[in-house]
Amino acid sequence: YPKENGLNLIYTTLGLASEAGEVTDKMKKVIRDKGGIIDAGMK
């Protein structure tokens, strides 16, 4: 990823937020679609 001009910090921070959002989205769907039950595939 770009590492000049402070882009390294911006990139890694945005990436972390994005991935945390993906975890959150999957958990939201567990609640909505699976009644809060996490099966082996979702795990």
All heavy atoms as atom14 arrays in JSON, in Angstrom:
{
  "sequence": "YPKENGLNLIYTTLGLASEAGEVTDKMKKVIRDKGGIIDAGMK",
  "atom14_mask": [
    [1, 1, 1, 1, 1, 1, 1, 1, 1, 1, 1, 1, 0, 0],
    [1, 1, 1, 1, 1, 1, 1, 0, 0, 0, 0, 0, 0, 0],
    [1, 1, 1, 1, 1, 1, 1, 1, 1, 0, 0, 0, 0, 0],
    [1, 1, 1, 1, 1, 1, 1, 1, 1, 0, 0, 0, 0, 0],
    [1, 1, 1, 1, 1, 1, 1, 1, 0, 0, 0, 0, 0, 0],
    [1, 1, 1, 1, 0, 0, 0, 0, 0, 0, 0, 0, 0, 0],
    [1, 1, 1, 1, 1, 1, 1, 1, 0, 0, 0, 0, 0, 0],
    [1, 1, 1, 1, 1, 1, 1, 1, 0, 0, 0, 0, 0, 0],
    [1, 1, 1, 1, 1, 1, 1, 1, 0, 0, 0, 0, 0, 0],
    [1, 1, 1, 1, 1, 1, 1, 1, 0, 0, 0, 0, 0, 0],
    [1, 1, 1, 1, 1, 1, 1, 1, 1, 1, 1, 1, 0, 0],
    [1, 1, 1, 1, 1, 1, 1, 0, 0, 0, 0, 0, 0, 0],
    [1, 1, 1, 1, 1, 1, 1, 0, 0, 0, 0, 0, 0, 0],
    [1, 1, 1, 1, 1, 1, 1, 1, 0, 0, 0, 0, 0, 0],
    [1, 1, 1, 1, 0, 0, 0, 0, 0, 0, 0, 0, 0, 0],
    [1, 1, 1, 1, 1, 1, 1, 1, 0, 0, 0, 0, 0, 0],
    [1, 1, 1, 1, 1, 0, 0, 0, 0, 0, 0, 0, 0, 0],
    [1, 1, 1, 1, 1, 1, 0, 0, 0, 0, 0, 0, 0, 0],
    [1, 1, 1, 1, 1, 1, 1, 1, 1, 0, 0, 0, 0, 0],
    [1, 1, 1, 1, 1, 0, 0, 0, 0, 0, 0, 0, 0, 0],
    [1, 1, 1, 1, 0, 0, 0, 0, 0, 0, 0, 0, 0, 0],
    [1, 1, 1, 1, 1, 1, 1, 1, 1, 0, 0, 0, 0, 0],
    [1, 1, 1, 1, 1, 1, 1, 0, 0, 0, 0, 0, 0, 0],
    [1, 1, 1, 1, 1, 1, 1, 0, 0, 0, 0, 0, 0, 0],
    [1, 1, 1, 1, 1, 1, 1, 1, 0, 0, 0, 0, 0, 0],
    [1, 1, 1, 1, 1, 1, 1, 1, 1, 0, 0, 0, 0, 0],
    [1, 1, 1, 1, 1, 1, 1, 1, 0, 0, 0, 0, 0, 0],
    [1, 1, 1, 1, 1, 1, 1, 1, 1, 0, 0, 0, 0, 0],
    [1, 1, 1, 1, 1, 1, 1, 1, 1, 0, 0, 0, 0, 0],
    [1, 1, 1, 1, 1, 1, 1, 0, 0, 0, 0, 0, 0, 0],
    [1, 1, 1, 1, 1, 1, 1, 1, 0, 0, 0, 0, 0, 0],
    [1, 1, 1, 1, 1, 1, 1, 1, 1, 1, 1, 0, 0, 0],
    [1, 1, 1, 1, 1, 1, 1, 1, 0, 0, 0, 0, 0, 0],
    [1, 1, 1, 1, 1, 1, 1, 1, 1, 0, 0, 0, 0, 0],
    [1, 1, 1, 1, 0, 0, 0, 0, 0, 0, 0, 0, 0, 0],
    [1, 1, 1, 1, 0, 0, 0, 0, 0, 0, 0, 0, 0, 0],
    [1, 1, 1, 1, 1, 1, 1, 1, 0, 0, 0, 0, 0, 0],
    [1, 1, 1, 1, 1, 1, 1, 1, 0, 0, 0, 0, 0, 0],
    [1, 1, 1, 1, 1, 1, 1, 1, 0, 0, 0, 0, 0, 0],
    [1, 1, 1, 1, 1, 0, 0, 0, 0, 0, 0, 0, 0, 0],
    [1, 1, 1, 1, 0, 0, 0, 0, 0, 0, 0, 0, 0, 0],
    [1, 1, 1, 1, 1, 1, 1, 1, 0, 0, 0, 0, 0, 0],
    [1, 1, 1, 1, 1, 1, 1, 1, 1, 0, 0, 0, 0, 0]
  ],
  "atom14_positions": [
    [[0.85, -1.18, 0.0], [0.0, 0.0, 0.0], [0.89, 1.23, 0.0], [2.07, 1.15, 0.31], [-0.97, 0.0, 1.2], [-0.32, -0.23, 2.54], [0.27, 0.82, 3.25], [-0.32, -1.48, 3.12], [0.85, 0.61, 4.5], [0.25, -1.7, 4.36], [0.84, -0.64, 5.04], [1.41, -0.85, 6.28], [0.0, 0.0, 0.0], [0.0, 0.0, 0.0]],
    [[0.33, 2.4, -0.34], [1.13, 3.63, -0.36], [1.66, 3.95, 1.04], [0.94, 3.85, 2.01], [0.16, 4.71, -0.82], [-1.06, 4.0, -1.29], [-1.05, 2.63, -0.71], [0.0, 0.0, 0.0], [0.0, 0.0, 0.0], [0.0, 0.0, 0.0], [0.0, 0.0, 0.0], [0.0, 0.0, 0.0], [0.0, 0.0, 0.0], [0.0, 0.0, 0.0]],
    [[2.93, 4.33, 1.1], [3.53, 4.6, 2.4], [4.1, 6.0, 2.52], [4.63, 6.37, 3.55], [4.6, 3.55, 2.69], [3.99, 2.16, 2.8], [4.97, 1.12, 3.21], [4.24, -0.21, 3.28], [5.09, -1.32, 3.5], [0.0, 0.0, 0.0], [0.0, 0.0, 0.0], [0.0, 0.0, 0.0], [0.0, 0.0, 0.0], [0.0, 0.0, 0.0]],
    [[3.97, 6.81, 1.49], [4.5, 8.17, 1.54], [3.43, 9.16, 1.96], [2.23, 8.87, 1.86], [5.12, 8.58, 0.2], [4.16, 8.59, -0.97], [3.89, 7.21, -1.58], [4.67, 6.28, -1.41], [2.84, 7.09, -2.22], [0.0, 0.0, 0.0], [0.0, 0.0, 0.0], [0.0, 0.0, 0.0], [0.0, 0.0, 0.0], [0.0, 0.0, 0.0]],
    [[3.88, 10.3, 2.46], [2.99, 11.41, 2.82], [1.92, 11.04, 3.84], [0.81, 11.57, 3.8], [2.33, 12.01, 1.57], [3.33, 12.5, 0.56], [4.36, 13.07, 0.94], [3.08, 12.27, -0.71], [0.0, 0.0, 0.0], [0.0, 0.0, 0.0], [0.0, 0.0, 0.0], [0.0, 0.0, 0.0], [0.0, 0.0, 0.0], [0.0, 0.0, 0.0]],
    [[2.21, 10.12, 4.73], [1.24, 9.74, 5.75], [0.14, 8.82, 5.26], [-0.76, 8.47, 6.02], [0.0, 0.0, 0.0], [0.0, 0.0, 0.0], [0.0, 0.0, 0.0], [0.0, 0.0, 0.0], [0.0, 0.0, 0.0], [0.0, 0.0, 0.0], [0.0, 0.0, 0.0], [0.0, 0.0, 0.0], [0.0, 0.0, 0.0], [0.0, 0.0, 0.0]],
    [[0.2, 8.42, 3.99], [-0.84, 7.54, 3.46], [-0.82, 6.17, 4.13], [-1.84, 5.49, 4.18], [-0.71, 7.39, 1.94], [-1.01, 8.64, 1.13], [-0.75, 8.4, -0.35], [-2.43, 9.11, 1.36], [0.0, 0.0, 0.0], [0.0, 0.0, 0.0], [0.0, 0.0, 0.0], [0.0, 0.0, 0.0], [0.0, 0.0, 0.0], [0.0, 0.0, 0.0]],
    [[0.32, 5.77, 4.66], [0.41, 4.49, 5.37], [-0.54, 4.45, 6.56], [-1.22, 3.45, 6.79], [1.84, 4.21, 5.81], [2.43, 5.34, 6.64], [2.02, 6.49, 6.57], [3.44, 5.0, 7.42], [0.0, 0.0, 0.0], [0.0, 0.0, 0.0], [0.0, 0.0, 0.0], [0.0, 0.0, 0.0], [0.0, 0.0, 0.0], [0.0, 0.0, 0.0]],
    [[-0.6, 5.53, 7.31], [-1.49, 5.57, 8.48], [-2.95, 5.66, 8.07], [-3.81, 5.02, 8.67], [-1.11, 6.74, 9.39], [0.29, 6.65, 10.02], [0.6, 7.9, 10.8], [0.41, 5.42, 10.89], [0.0, 0.0, 0.0], [0.0, 0.0, 0.0], [0.0, 0.0, 0.0], [0.0, 0.0, 0.0], [0.0, 0.0, 0.0], [0.0, 0.0, 0.0]],
    [[-3.21, 6.46, 7.06], [-4.59, 6.6, 6.58], [-5.08, 5.26, 6.02], [-6.17, 4.8, 6.36], [-4.7, 7.71, 5.52], [-4.37, 9.07, 6.16], [-6.07, 7.71, 4.86], [-4.16, 10.19, 5.15], [0.0, 0.0, 0.0], [0.0, 0.0, 0.0], [0.0, 0.0, 0.0], [0.0, 0.0, 0.0], [0.0, 0.0, 0.0], [0.0, 0.0, 0.0]],
    [[-4.26, 4.64, 5.19], [-4.65, 3.38, 4.56], [-4.93, 2.29, 5.6], [-5.96, 1.61, 5.53], [-3.56, 2.91, 3.59], [-3.9, 1.64, 2.88], [-4.59, 1.66, 1.68], [-3.55, 0.41, 3.42], [-4.92, 0.48, 1.03], [-3.89, -0.78, 2.78], [-4.57, -0.73, 1.59], [-4.91, -1.9, 0.95], [0.0, 0.0, 0.0], [0.0, 0.0, 0.0]],
    [[-4.02, 2.13, 6.55], [-4.2, 1.06, 7.53], [-5.36, 1.34, 8.48], [-6.08, 0.42, 8.88], [-2.9, 0.79, 8.32], [-2.4, 2.01, 8.87], [-1.83, 0.16, 7.42], [0.0, 0.0, 0.0], [0.0, 0.0, 0.0], [0.0, 0.0, 0.0], [0.0, 0.0, 0.0], [0.0, 0.0, 0.0], [0.0, 0.0, 0.0], [0.0, 0.0, 0.0]],
    [[-5.59, 2.6, 8.8], [-6.72, 2.95, 9.65], [-8.04, 2.7, 8.93], [-8.98, 2.12, 9.49], [-6.63, 4.42, 10.1], [-5.41, 4.6, 10.83], [-7.81, 4.81, 10.98], [0.0, 0.0, 0.0], [0.0, 0.0, 0.0], [0.0, 0.0, 0.0], [0.0, 0.0, 0.0], [0.0, 0.0, 0.0], [0.0, 0.0, 0.0], [0.0, 0.0, 0.0]],
    [[-8.13, 3.12, 7.67], [-9.35, 2.87, 6.89], [-9.57, 1.38, 6.68], [-10.71, 0.89, 6.73], [-9.28, 3.6, 5.55], [-9.33, 5.13, 5.62], [-9.09, 5.72, 4.23], [-10.65, 5.61, 6.2], [0.0, 0.0, 0.0], [0.0, 0.0, 0.0], [0.0, 0.0, 0.0], [0.0, 0.0, 0.0], [0.0, 0.0, 0.0], [0.0, 0.0, 0.0]],
    [[-8.5, 0.64, 6.45], [-8.63, -0.8, 6.29], [-9.16, -1.47, 7.54], [-10.01, -2.36, 7.47], [0.0, 0.0, 0.0], [0.0, 0.0, 0.0], [0.0, 0.0, 0.0], [0.0, 0.0, 0.0], [0.0, 0.0, 0.0], [0.0, 0.0, 0.0], [0.0, 0.0, 0.0], [0.0, 0.0, 0.0], [0.0, 0.0, 0.0], [0.0, 0.0, 0.0]],
    [[-8.65, -1.04, 8.69], [-9.13, -1.6, 9.96], [-10.61, -1.31, 10.15], [-11.38, -2.2, 10.51], [-8.31, -1.04, 11.12], [-8.75, -1.46, 12.52], [-8.78, -2.98, 12.67], [-7.84, -0.82, 13.56], [0.0, 0.0, 0.0], [0.0, 0.0, 0.0], [0.0, 0.0, 0.0], [0.0, 0.0, 0.0], [0.0, 0.0, 0.0], [0.0, 0.0, 0.0]],
    [[-11.0, -0.08, 9.89], [-12.42, 0.29, 10.03], [-13.28, -0.53, 9.07], [-14.36, -1.01, 9.44], [-12.6, 1.78, 9.8], [0.0, 0.0, 0.0], [0.0, 0.0, 0.0], [0.0, 0.0, 0.0], [0.0, 0.0, 0.0], [0.0, 0.0, 0.0], [0.0, 0.0, 0.0], [0.0, 0.0, 0.0], [0.0, 0.0, 0.0], [0.0, 0.0, 0.0]],
    [[-12.8, -0.71, 7.86], [-13.54, -1.48, 6.86], [-13.72, -2.93, 7.28], [-14.83, -3.49, 7.19], [-12.8, -1.39, 5.52], [-13.44, -2.19, 4.55], [0.0, 0.0, 0.0], [0.0, 0.0, 0.0], [0.0, 0.0, 0.0], [0.0, 0.0, 0.0], [0.0, 0.0, 0.0], [0.0, 0.0, 0.0], [0.0, 0.0, 0.0], [0.0, 0.0, 0.0]],
    [[-12.65, -3.55, 7.74], [-12.74, -4.96, 8.16], [-13.6, -5.12, 9.41], [-14.36, -6.09, 9.52], [-11.35, -5.55, 8.36], [-10.54, -5.66, 7.09], [-11.18, -6.51, 6.0], [-12.02, -7.39, 6.3], [-10.83, -6.28, 4.83], [0.0, 0.0, 0.0], [0.0, 0.0, 0.0], [0.0, 0.0, 0.0], [0.0, 0.0, 0.0], [0.0, 0.0, 0.0]],
    [[-13.49, -4.18, 10.35], [-14.35, -4.23, 11.53], [-15.81, -4.11, 11.1], [-16.69, -4.78, 11.66], [-13.98, -3.13, 12.52], [0.0, 0.0, 0.0], [0.0, 0.0, 0.0], [0.0, 0.0, 0.0], [0.0, 0.0, 0.0], [0.0, 0.0, 0.0], [0.0, 0.0, 0.0], [0.0, 0.0, 0.0], [0.0, 0.0, 0.0], [0.0, 0.0, 0.0]],
    [[-16.06, -3.3, 10.09], [-17.41, -3.17, 9.55], [-17.91, -4.47, 8.93], [-19.09, -4.81, 9.04], [0.0, 0.0, 0.0], [0.0, 0.0, 0.0], [0.0, 0.0, 0.0], [0.0, 0.0, 0.0], [0.0, 0.0, 0.0], [0.0, 0.0, 0.0], [0.0, 0.0, 0.0], [0.0, 0.0, 0.0], [0.0, 0.0, 0.0], [0.0, 0.0, 0.0]],
    [[-17.01, -5.21, 8.29], [-17.42, -6.49, 7.71], [-17.78, -7.51, 8.8], [-18.73, -8.27, 8.65], [-16.31, -7.02, 6.8], [-16.2, -6.2, 5.52], [-15.25, -6.81, 4.51], [-15.24, -8.05, 4.37], [-14.54, -6.04, 3.85], [0.0, 0.0, 0.0], [0.0, 0.0, 0.0], [0.0, 0.0, 0.0], [0.0, 0.0, 0.0], [0.0, 0.0, 0.0]],
    [[-17.03, -7.5, 9.9], [-17.38, -8.37, 11.03], [-18.76, -7.97, 11.56], [-19.62, -8.82, 11.78], [-16.33, -8.27, 12.17], [-16.79, -9.02, 13.41], [-14.97, -8.79, 11.7], [0.0, 0.0, 0.0], [0.0, 0.0, 0.0], [0.0, 0.0, 0.0], [0.0, 0.0, 0.0], [0.0, 0.0, 0.0], [0.0, 0.0, 0.0], [0.0, 0.0, 0.0]],
    [[-18.96, -6.68, 11.72], [-20.23, -6.16, 12.22], [-21.38, -6.54, 11.3], [-22.45, -6.96, 11.76], [-20.14, -4.63, 12.36], [-19.05, -4.3, 13.21], [-21.41, -4.04, 12.92], [0.0, 0.0, 0.0], [0.0, 0.0, 0.0], [0.0, 0.0, 0.0], [0.0, 0.0, 0.0], [0.0, 0.0, 0.0], [0.0, 0.0, 0.0], [0.0, 0.0, 0.0]],
    [[-21.17, -6.43, 9.99], [-22.22, -6.75, 9.04], [-22.61, -8.22, 9.11], [-23.8, -8.57, 9.07], [-21.77, -6.39, 7.62], [-22.9, -6.51, 6.62], [-23.95, -5.87, 6.83], [-22.73, -7.24, 5.63], [0.0, 0.0, 0.0], [0.0, 0.0, 0.0], [0.0, 0.0, 0.0], [0.0, 0.0, 0.0], [0.0, 0.0, 0.0], [0.0, 0.0, 0.0]],
    [[-21.61, -9.09, 9.23], [-21.91, -10.52, 9.34], [-22.68, -10.82, 10.61], [-23.62, -11.62, 10.6], [-20.63, -11.34, 9.26], [-20.03, -11.36, 7.86], [-19.0, -12.43, 7.7], [-18.39, -12.42, 6.32], [-19.31, -12.47, 5.21], [0.0, 0.0, 0.0], [0.0, 0.0, 0.0], [0.0, 0.0, 0.0], [0.0, 0.0, 0.0], [0.0, 0.0, 0.0]],
    [[-22.31, -10.19, 11.71], [-23.04, -10.4, 12.96], [-24.47, -9.88, 12.86], [-25.4, -10.5, 13.38], [-22.3, -9.74, 14.13], [-21.02, -10.45, 14.51], [-21.25, -12.18, 14.97], [-22.2, -11.99, 16.45], [0.0, 0.0, 0.0], [0.0, 0.0, 0.0], [0.0, 0.0, 0.0], [0.0, 0.0, 0.0], [0.0, 0.0, 0.0], [0.0, 0.0, 0.0]],
    [[-24.65, -8.75, 12.19], [-26.0, -8.22, 11.98], [-26.86, -9.23, 11.24], [-28.01, -9.48, 11.6], [-25.92, -6.91, 11.19], [-27.27, -6.34, 10.79], [-27.13, -5.29, 9.72], [-26.83, -5.98, 8.42], [-26.75, -5.13, 7.25], [0.0, 0.0, 0.0], [0.0, 0.0, 0.0], [0.0, 0.0, 0.0], [0.0, 0.0, 0.0], [0.0, 0.0, 0.0]],
    [[-26.27, -9.87, 10.22], [-27.02, -10.86, 9.44], [-27.29, -12.13, 10.24], [-28.32, -12.78, 10.02], [-26.27, -11.16, 8.15], [-26.32, -9.96, 7.21], [-25.51, -10.17, 5.96], [-25.6, -8.91, 5.1], [-24.72, -8.96, 3.94], [0.0, 0.0, 0.0], [0.0, 0.0, 0.0], [0.0, 0.0, 0.0], [0.0, 0.0, 0.0], [0.0, 0.0, 0.0]],
    [[-26.4, -12.46, 11.17], [-26.66, -13.59, 12.06], [-27.92, -13.31, 12.88], [-28.78, -14.18, 13.05], [-25.45, -13.86, 13.0], [-25.84, -14.75, 14.16], [-24.3, -14.47, 12.21], [0.0, 0.0, 0.0], [0.0, 0.0, 0.0], [0.0, 0.0, 0.0], [0.0, 0.0, 0.0], [0.0, 0.0, 0.0], [0.0, 0.0, 0.0], [0.0, 0.0, 0.0]],
    [[-28.04, -12.1, 13.37], [-29.21, -11.72, 14.17], [-30.46, -11.71, 13.29], [-31.49, -12.28, 13.64], [-28.99, -10.35, 14.84], [-27.91, -10.48, 15.91], [-30.29, -9.82, 15.44], [-27.39, -9.16, 16.44], [0.0, 0.0, 0.0], [0.0, 0.0, 0.0], [0.0, 0.0, 0.0], [0.0, 0.0, 0.0], [0.0, 0.0, 0.0], [0.0, 0.0, 0.0]],
    [[-30.35, -11.07, 12.13], [-31.52, -10.92, 11.25], [-31.96, -12.24, 10.63], [-33.15, -12.55, 10.6], [-31.19, -9.92, 10.13], [-32.35, -9.65, 9.19], [-31.95, -8.85, 7.98], [-31.07, -9.67, 7.14], [-30.27, -9.16, 6.21], [-30.2, -7.86, 6.01], [-29.51, -9.95, 5.48], [0.0, 0.0, 0.0], [0.0, 0.0, 0.0], [0.0, 0.0, 0.0]],
    [[-31.0, -13.02, 10.12], [-31.35, -14.18, 9.31], [-31.28, -15.52, 10.04], [-31.86, -16.49, 9.58], [-30.42, -14.26, 8.09], [-30.52, -13.02, 7.21], [-31.56, -12.33, 7.25], [-29.55, -12.75, 6.48], [0.0, 0.0, 0.0], [0.0, 0.0, 0.0], [0.0, 0.0, 0.0], [0.0, 0.0, 0.0], [0.0, 0.0, 0.0], [0.0, 0.0, 0.0]],
    [[-30.55, -15.57, 11.15], [-30.32, -16.86, 11.8], [-30.72, -16.87, 13.27], [-30.32, -17.75, 14.01], [-28.86, -17.27, 11.65], [-28.43, -17.4, 10.19], [-26.99, -17.79, 10.07], [-26.58, -17.82, 8.62], [-26.35, -19.15, 8.12], [0.0, 0.0, 0.0], [0.0, 0.0, 0.0], [0.0, 0.0, 0.0], [0.0, 0.0, 0.0], [0.0, 0.0, 0.0]],
    [[-31.49, -15.86, 13.68], [-31.96, -15.81, 15.06], [-30.84, -15.73, 16.08], [-31.0, -16.17, 17.21], [0.0, 0.0, 0.0], [0.0, 0.0, 0.0], [0.0, 0.0, 0.0], [0.0, 0.0, 0.0], [0.0, 0.0, 0.0], [0.0, 0.0, 0.0], [0.0, 0.0, 0.0], [0.0, 0.0, 0.0], [0.0, 0.0, 0.0], [0.0, 0.0, 0.0]],
    [[-29.7, -15.19, 15.67], [-28.58, -15.04, 16.59], [-27.72, -16.28, 16.76], [-26.8, -16.29, 17.57], [0.0, 0.0, 0.0], [0.0, 0.0, 0.0], [0.0, 0.0, 0.0], [0.0, 0.0, 0.0], [0.0, 0.0, 0.0], [0.0, 0.0, 0.0], [0.0, 0.0, 0.0], [0.0, 0.0, 0.0], [0.0, 0.0, 0.0], [0.0, 0.0, 0.0]],
    [[-28.01, -17.3, 15.97], [-27.25, -18.56, 16.09], [-26.11, -18.56, 15.08], [-26.32, -18.38, 13.88], [-28.17, -19.77, 15.88], [-29.24, -19.79, 16.98], [-27.37, -21.06, 15.84], [-30.34, -20.77, 16.77], [0.0, 0.0, 0.0], [0.0, 0.0, 0.0], [0.0, 0.0, 0.0], [0.0, 0.0, 0.0], [0.0, 0.0, 0.0], [0.0, 0.0, 0.0]],
    [[-24.9, -18.8, 15.59], [-23.71, -18.84, 14.74], [-23.37, -20.3, 14.46], [-22.95, -21.03, 15.35], [-22.53, -18.12, 15.42], [-22.88, -16.66, 15.66], [-21.26, -18.26, 14.59], [-21.87, -15.9, 16.48], [0.0, 0.0, 0.0], [0.0, 0.0, 0.0], [0.0, 0.0, 0.0], [0.0, 0.0, 0.0], [0.0, 0.0, 0.0], [0.0, 0.0, 0.0]],
    [[-23.57, -20.71, 13.21], [-23.25, -22.08, 12.84], [-21.77, -22.18, 12.44], [-21.05, -21.18, 12.41], [-24.18, -22.58, 11.73], [-24.09, -21.77, 10.45], [-23.07, -21.07, 10.21], [-25.05, -21.83, 9.66], [0.0, 0.0, 0.0], [0.0, 0.0, 0.0], [0.0, 0.0, 0.0], [0.0, 0.0, 0.0], [0.0, 0.0, 0.0], [0.0, 0.0, 0.0]],
    [[-21.33, -23.38, 12.11], [-19.92, -23.61, 11.79], [-19.48, -22.79, 10.58], [-18.36, -22.25, 10.56], [-19.67, -25.1, 11.55], [0.0, 0.0, 0.0], [0.0, 0.0, 0.0], [0.0, 0.0, 0.0], [0.0, 0.0, 0.0], [0.0, 0.0, 0.0], [0.0, 0.0, 0.0], [0.0, 0.0, 0.0], [0.0, 0.0, 0.0], [0.0, 0.0, 0.0]],
    [[-20.33, -22.71, 9.57], [-19.99, -21.93, 8.38], [-19.81, -20.45, 8.68], [-18.87, -19.81, 8.2], [0.0, 0.0, 0.0], [0.0, 0.0, 0.0], [0.0, 0.0, 0.0], [0.0, 0.0, 0.0], [0.0, 0.0, 0.0], [0.0, 0.0, 0.0], [0.0, 0.0, 0.0], [0.0, 0.0, 0.0], [0.0, 0.0, 0.0], [0.0, 0.0, 0.0]],
    [[-20.72, -19.91, 9.5], [-20.62, -18.49, 9.86], [-19.41, -18.25, 10.75], [-18.74, -17.23, 10.62], [-21.9, -18.02, 10.54], [-21.87, -16.53, 10.92], [-21.47, -15.41, 9.55], [-22.94, -15.52, 8.56], [0.0, 0.0, 0.0], [0.0, 0.0, 0.0], [0.0, 0.0, 0.0], [0.0, 0.0, 0.0], [0.0, 0.0, 0.0], [0.0, 0.0, 0.0]],
    [[-19.12, -19.18, 11.63], [-17.94, -19.05, 12.48], [-16.68, -18.95, 11.62], [-15.79, -18.14, 11.87], [-17.83, -20.22, 13.46], [-16.72, -20.03, 14.49], [-16.63, -21.21, 15.43], [-17.65, -21.08, 16.53], [-17.47, -22.09, 17.6], [0.0, 0.0, 0.0], [0.0, 0.0, 0.0], [0.0, 0.0, 0.0], [0.0, 0.0, 0.0], [0.0, 0.0, 0.0]]
  ]
}
